[in-house]
């Protein structure tokens, strides 16, 4: 297994940078048994359920693309999820819908029995 600790700052930075309106982004490290969990919550535009299922796809972008210039190439979440999975972890998103903000959760194992 690669040293996930070397990639963790990049994954965390990607999540914080990708949030469309991080008015109150909050990173809360948690430690369930045998794994590390980091949740990042914002009060931004939120994500409808159909978008939550697509958000990790390469080049996928969500938001008002007609009136706003995209901030990136649409690869940040794809890369972050790839690194999480490469190290035996997960990256997920939850949102109650548009205007309700989003929560991204990164879970990485400390031991093989974590997930």
Protein backbone atom coordinates (compact mmCIF):
# COMPACT_ATOMS: atom_id res chain seq x y z
CA UNK A 1 0.00 0.00 0.00
CA UNK A 2 1.26 3.45 -0.87
CA UNK A 3 1.70 6.02 1.84
CA UNK A 4 -1.81 7.51 1.85
CA UNK A 5 -0.67 10.09 4.35
CA UNK A 6 1.39 11.70 1.57
CA UNK A 7 -1.73 12.11 -0.60
CA UNK A 8 -4.21 13.07 2.13
CA UNK A 9 -3.38 16.80 2.10
CA UNK A 10 -3.92 16.88 -1.68
CA UNK A 11 -7.26 15.07 -1.44
CA UNK A 12 -8.40 17.40 1.36
CA UNK A 13 -7.27 20.49 -0.57
CA UNK A 14 -9.10 19.25 -3.68
CA UNK A 15 -12.34 18.86 -1.75
CA UNK A 16 -12.11 22.32 -0.19
CA UNK A 17 -11.20 23.96 -3.52
CA UNK A 18 -14.01 22.25 -5.44
CA UNK A 19 -16.81 23.46 -3.20
CA UNK A 20 -18.64 26.08 -5.25
CA UNK A 21 -19.45 28.38 -2.34
CA UNK A 22 -17.53 27.31 0.76
CA UNK A 23 -19.17 29.89 3.01
CA UNK A 24 -18.72 27.71 6.05
CA UNK A 25 -16.53 24.81 5.05
CA UNK A 26 -15.76 22.67 8.06
CA UNK A 27 -13.25 19.84 8.11
CA UNK A 28 -13.90 17.52 11.02
CA UNK A 29 -11.40 14.69 11.44
CA UNK A 30 -12.98 11.65 13.06
CA UNK A 31 -11.56 8.34 14.05
CA UNK A 32 -13.96 5.39 14.04
CA UNK A 33 -12.31 2.10 14.98
CA UNK A 34 -9.51 1.18 12.57
CA UNK A 35 -10.02 4.06 10.14
CA UNK A 36 -9.79 7.82 9.74
CA UNK A 37 -12.78 9.79 8.54
CA UNK A 38 -12.81 13.41 7.41
CA UNK A 39 -16.05 15.25 6.64
CA UNK A 40 -16.19 18.57 4.82
CA UNK A 41 -19.50 20.42 4.83
CA UNK A 42 -20.44 23.62 3.03
CA UNK A 43 -23.51 25.83 2.71
CA UNK A 44 -23.23 26.13 -1.06
CA UNK A 45 -25.56 25.36 -3.94
CA UNK A 46 -26.22 21.76 -2.87
CA UNK A 47 -26.60 18.76 -5.15
CA UNK A 48 -29.82 17.06 -6.28
CA UNK A 49 -29.70 13.24 -6.01
CA UNK A 50 -29.21 12.64 -9.77
CA UNK A 51 -26.18 14.97 -9.69
CA UNK A 52 -24.73 13.23 -6.60
CA UNK A 53 -24.55 10.03 -8.65
CA UNK A 54 -22.57 11.80 -11.43
CA UNK A 55 -20.36 14.21 -9.50
CA UNK A 56 -17.28 11.93 -9.42
CA UNK A 57 -17.31 11.29 -13.20
CA UNK A 58 -14.34 12.70 -15.14
CA UNK A 59 -14.95 16.18 -16.60
CA UNK A 60 -18.40 16.45 -14.97
CA UNK A 61 -19.25 19.92 -13.69
CA UNK A 62 -22.36 21.16 -11.96
CA UNK A 63 -23.68 24.65 -11.44
CA UNK A 64 -24.74 27.58 -13.56
CA UNK A 65 -22.35 26.96 -16.44
CA UNK A 66 -24.20 29.42 -18.70
CA UNK A 67 -23.50 32.42 -16.47
CA UNK A 68 -20.31 31.39 -14.71
CA UNK A 69 -16.97 30.28 -16.08
CA UNK A 70 -16.04 26.78 -14.87
CA UNK A 71 -13.35 26.93 -12.18
CA UNK A 72 -11.49 23.86 -13.41
CA UNK A 73 -11.46 20.91 -15.77
CA UNK A 74 -13.88 18.75 -13.78
CA UNK A 75 -11.21 16.30 -12.63
CA UNK A 76 -10.67 17.24 -8.97
CA UNK A 77 -13.30 14.96 -7.44
CA UNK A 78 -12.44 12.15 -9.85
CA UNK A 79 -8.79 12.29 -8.79
CA UNK A 80 -9.65 12.61 -5.09
CA UNK A 81 -11.91 9.54 -5.26
CA UNK A 82 -9.27 7.62 -7.22
CA UNK A 83 -6.66 8.28 -4.52
CA UNK A 84 -9.10 7.36 -1.76
CA UNK A 85 -9.93 4.05 -3.45
CA UNK A 86 -6.27 3.40 -4.30
CA UNK A 87 -5.61 3.37 -0.58
CA UNK A 88 -8.57 1.17 0.26
CA UNK A 89 -10.84 4.05 1.26
CA UNK A 90 -13.97 5.74 0.06
CA UNK A 91 -15.06 9.24 -0.92
CA UNK A 92 -18.78 10.00 -0.89
CA UNK A 93 -21.12 12.98 -1.10
CA UNK A 94 -24.44 13.72 0.57
CA UNK A 95 -26.76 16.67 0.07
CA UNK A 96 -30.41 17.35 0.89
CA UNK A 97 -30.78 19.09 -2.46
CA UNK A 98 -30.36 22.43 -4.17
CA UNK A 99 -29.58 25.30 -1.83
CA UNK A 100 -28.93 22.92 1.07
CA UNK A 101 -25.13 22.61 0.87
CA UNK A 102 -23.15 19.38 0.56
CA UNK A 103 -21.08 17.08 2.72
CA UNK A 104 -18.13 15.13 1.38
CA UNK A 105 -16.85 12.24 3.49
CA UNK A 106 -13.40 10.69 3.06
CA UNK A 107 -12.73 7.41 4.91
CA UNK A 108 -9.29 5.80 4.89
CA UNK A 109 -8.31 2.55 6.60
CA UNK A 110 -5.63 2.39 9.25
CA UNK A 111 -5.88 -1.40 9.11
CA UNK A 112 -7.30 -3.88 6.59
CA UNK A 113 -10.42 -4.48 8.71
CA UNK A 114 -11.66 -0.87 8.52
CA UNK A 115 -14.07 -1.00 5.58
